[in-house]
Amino acid sequence: MTTKSAAATVDQQVANARTRVTRYRLAPGATTGPHRHGYDYVIVPVTSGRLRIRSAAGESFAELESGKSYFRAAGVEHEVFNGDSHEIVFVEVELLP
């Protein structure tokens, strides 16, 4: 499978000293690339779908449900892939210090 890069756009409606909001659109097989989260963050799925996640602990899968948000603490290191056959869209809200 060929890996594609994710198309990420920053939602300029909320971008200030305390909050950064980024919308990610991942085509089937697309990846965010390996990264580390420097801030606490909330994910808000726009579409439902299956993500494949690669981290130091190995590979896992996560089922996103449209509108069902979740929180993660700073320090998460992973690479996220669209593991589904359709585009997956989610919004990441970073909580800056």
C-alpha atoms as a PDB file:
ATOM      1  CA  MET A   1       0.000   0.000   0.000  1.00  0.00           C
ATOM      2  CA  THR A   2       1.280   3.461  -0.873  1.00  0.00           C
ATOM      3  CA  THR A   3       1.242   5.937   1.999  1.00  0.00           C
ATOM      4  CA  LYS A   4      -0.213   9.345   1.254  1.00  0.00           C
ATOM      5  CA  SER A   5       0.237  12.433   3.386  1.00  0.00           C
ATOM      6  CA  ALA A   6      -2.804  13.865   5.128  1.00  0.00           C
ATOM      7  CA  ALA A   7      -4.272  17.147   4.011  1.00  0.00           C
ATOM      8  CA  ALA A   8      -4.494  19.235   7.176  1.00  0.00           C
ATOM      9  CA  THR A   9      -6.045  22.674   7.284  1.00  0.00           C
ATOM     10  CA  VAL A  10      -6.053  25.070  10.215  1.00  0.00           C
ATOM     11  CA  ASP A  11      -9.482  26.390  11.128  1.00  0.00           C
ATOM     12  CA  GLN A  12      -8.770  30.099  11.503  1.00  0.00           C
ATOM     13  CA  GLN A  13     -12.001  30.622  13.461  1.00  0.00           C
ATOM     14  CA  VAL A  14     -10.144  29.573  16.616  1.00  0.00           C
ATOM     15  CA  ALA A  15      -6.419  30.241  16.623  1.00  0.00           C
ATOM     16  CA  ASN A  16      -5.121  32.225  19.565  1.00  0.00           C
ATOM     17  CA  ALA A  17      -2.678  32.080  22.457  1.00  0.00           C
ATOM     18  CA  ARG A  18      -4.757  29.425  24.300  1.00  0.00           C
ATOM     19  CA  THR A  19      -6.248  27.213  21.582  1.00  0.00           C
ATOM     20  CA  ARG A  20      -5.260  25.807  18.193  1.00  0.00           C
ATOM     21  CA  VAL A  21      -7.880  24.058  16.067  1.00  0.00           C
ATOM     22  CA  THR A  22      -6.844  21.889  13.106  1.00  0.00           C
ATOM     23  CA  ARG A  23      -9.121  19.918  10.805  1.00  0.00           C
ATOM     24  CA  TYR A  24      -7.599  16.755   9.333  1.00  0.00           C
ATOM     25  CA  ARG A  25      -8.914  15.122   6.188  1.00  0.00           C
ATOM     26  CA  LEU A  26      -7.368  11.710   5.518  1.00  0.00           C
ATOM     27  CA  ALA A  27      -7.967   9.839   2.282  1.00  0.00           C
ATOM     28  CA  PRO A  28      -7.968   6.025   2.532  1.00  0.00           C
ATOM     29  CA  GLY A  29      -4.421   4.966   3.472  1.00  0.00           C
ATOM     30  CA  ALA A  30      -3.303   8.539   4.242  1.00  0.00           C
ATOM     31  CA  THR A  31      -1.171   9.248   7.313  1.00  0.00           C
ATOM     32  CA  THR A  32      -0.563  12.154   9.652  1.00  0.00           C
ATOM     33  CA  GLY A  33       3.110  11.189   9.777  1.00  0.00           C
ATOM     34  CA  PRO A  34       4.859  10.310  13.044  1.00  0.00           C
ATOM     35  CA  HIS A  35       4.422  13.036  15.636  1.00  0.00           C
ATOM     36  CA  ARG A  36       4.386  13.855  19.350  1.00  0.00           C
ATOM     37  CA  HIS A  37       1.618  15.886  20.979  1.00  0.00           C
ATOM     38  CA  GLY A  38       3.142  18.710  22.992  1.00  0.00           C
ATOM     39  CA  TYR A  39      -0.197  19.800  24.460  1.00  0.00           C
ATOM     40  CA  ASP A  40      -3.338  18.233  25.892  1.00  0.00           C
ATOM     41  CA  TYR A  41      -5.877  17.859  23.108  1.00  0.00           C
ATOM     42  CA  VAL A  42      -9.424  16.879  22.222  1.00  0.00           C
ATOM     43  CA  ILE A  43     -10.398  15.032  19.027  1.00  0.00           C
ATOM     44  CA  VAL A  44     -13.843  15.690  17.554  1.00  0.00           C
ATOM     45  CA  PRO A  45     -14.643  13.181  14.772  1.00  0.00           C
ATOM     46  CA  VAL A  46     -16.629  14.687  11.903  1.00  0.00           C
ATOM     47  CA  THR A  47     -17.007  11.326  10.169  1.00  0.00           C
ATOM     48  CA  SER A  48     -17.083   7.818  11.554  1.00  0.00           C
ATOM     49  CA  GLY A  49     -14.343   5.411  10.539  1.00  0.00           C
ATOM     50  CA  ARG A  50     -11.452   3.203  11.522  1.00  0.00           C
ATOM     51  CA  LEU A  51      -7.990   4.569  12.287  1.00  0.00           C
ATOM     52  CA  ARG A  52      -4.829   2.489  12.376  1.00  0.00           C
ATOM     53  CA  ILE A  53      -2.373   3.764  14.969  1.00  0.00           C
ATOM     54  CA  ARG A  54       1.341   2.972  15.113  1.00  0.00           C
ATOM     55  CA  SER A  55       3.262   3.759  18.321  1.00  0.00           C
ATOM     56  CA  ALA A  56       6.158   2.421  20.382  1.00  0.00           C
ATOM     57  CA  ALA A  57       3.656  -0.018  21.937  1.00  0.00           C
ATOM     58  CA  GLY A  58       2.875  -1.486  18.496  1.00  0.00           C
ATOM     59  CA  GLU A  59      -0.087  -1.201  16.179  1.00  0.00           C
ATOM     60  CA  SER A  60      -3.702  -0.754  17.236  1.00  0.00           C
ATOM     61  CA  PHE A  61      -7.022   0.332  15.768  1.00  0.00           C
ATOM     62  CA  ALA A  62      -9.521   2.950  16.908  1.00  0.00           C
ATOM     63  CA  GLU A  63     -13.116   3.314  15.800  1.00  0.00           C
ATOM     64  CA  LEU A  64     -14.180   6.939  15.449  1.00  0.00           C
ATOM     65  CA  GLU A  65     -17.846   7.796  15.878  1.00  0.00           C
ATOM     66  CA  SER A  66     -19.029  11.046  14.331  1.00  0.00           C
ATOM     67  CA  GLY A  67     -19.579  13.651  17.058  1.00  0.00           C
ATOM     68  CA  LYS A  68     -18.171  11.483  19.897  1.00  0.00           C
ATOM     69  CA  SER A  69     -15.163  13.441  21.203  1.00  0.00           C
ATOM     70  CA  TYR A  70     -12.266  12.182  23.300  1.00  0.00           C
ATOM     71  CA  PHE A  71      -9.392  13.727  25.286  1.00  0.00           C
ATOM     72  CA  ARG A  72      -5.687  12.833  25.330  1.00  0.00           C
ATOM     73  CA  ALA A  73      -2.937  14.233  27.565  1.00  0.00           C
ATOM     74  CA  ALA A  74       0.239  15.794  26.178  1.00  0.00           C
ATOM     75  CA  GLY A  75       3.094  13.446  25.342  1.00  0.00           C
ATOM     76  CA  VAL A  76       1.301  10.980  23.047  1.00  0.00           C
ATOM     77  CA  GLU A  77       3.664   9.795  20.295  1.00  0.00           C
ATOM     78  CA  HIS A  78       2.157   8.000  17.314  1.00  0.00           C
ATOM     79  CA  GLU A  79       1.408   7.920  13.609  1.00  0.00           C
ATOM     80  CA  VAL A  80      -2.238   7.781  12.571  1.00  0.00           C
ATOM     81  CA  PHE A  81      -3.442   6.204   9.302  1.00  0.00           C
ATOM     82  CA  ASN A  82      -6.869   6.140   7.709  1.00  0.00           C
ATOM     83  CA  GLY A  83      -7.629   2.431   7.982  1.00  0.00           C
ATOM     84  CA  ASP A  84     -10.975   2.718   6.198  1.00  0.00           C
ATOM     85  CA  SER A  85     -12.147   2.749   2.565  1.00  0.00           C
ATOM     86  CA  HIS A  86     -13.545   6.311   2.731  1.00  0.00           C
ATOM     87  CA  GLU A  87     -12.215   9.721   3.739  1.00  0.00           C
ATOM     88  CA  ILE A  88     -12.002  10.325   7.497  1.00  0.00           C
ATOM     89  CA  VAL A  89     -12.333  13.851   8.865  1.00  0.00           C
ATOM     90  CA  PHE A  90     -11.668  14.943  12.445  1.00  0.00           C
ATOM     91  CA  VAL A  91     -10.970  18.169  14.290  1.00  0.00           C
ATOM     92  CA  GLU A  92      -8.102  18.406  16.765  1.00  0.00           C
ATOM     93  CA  VAL A  93      -8.370  21.056  19.485  1.00  0.00           C
ATOM     94  CA  GLU A  94      -5.040  21.683  21.217  1.00  0.00           C
ATOM     95  CA  LEU A  95      -5.183  23.329  24.665  1.00  0.00           C
ATOM     96  CA  LEU A  96      -2.171  25.637  24.817  1.00  0.00           C
ATOM     97  CA  PRO A  97      -0.631  26.775  28.138  1.00  0.00           C
END
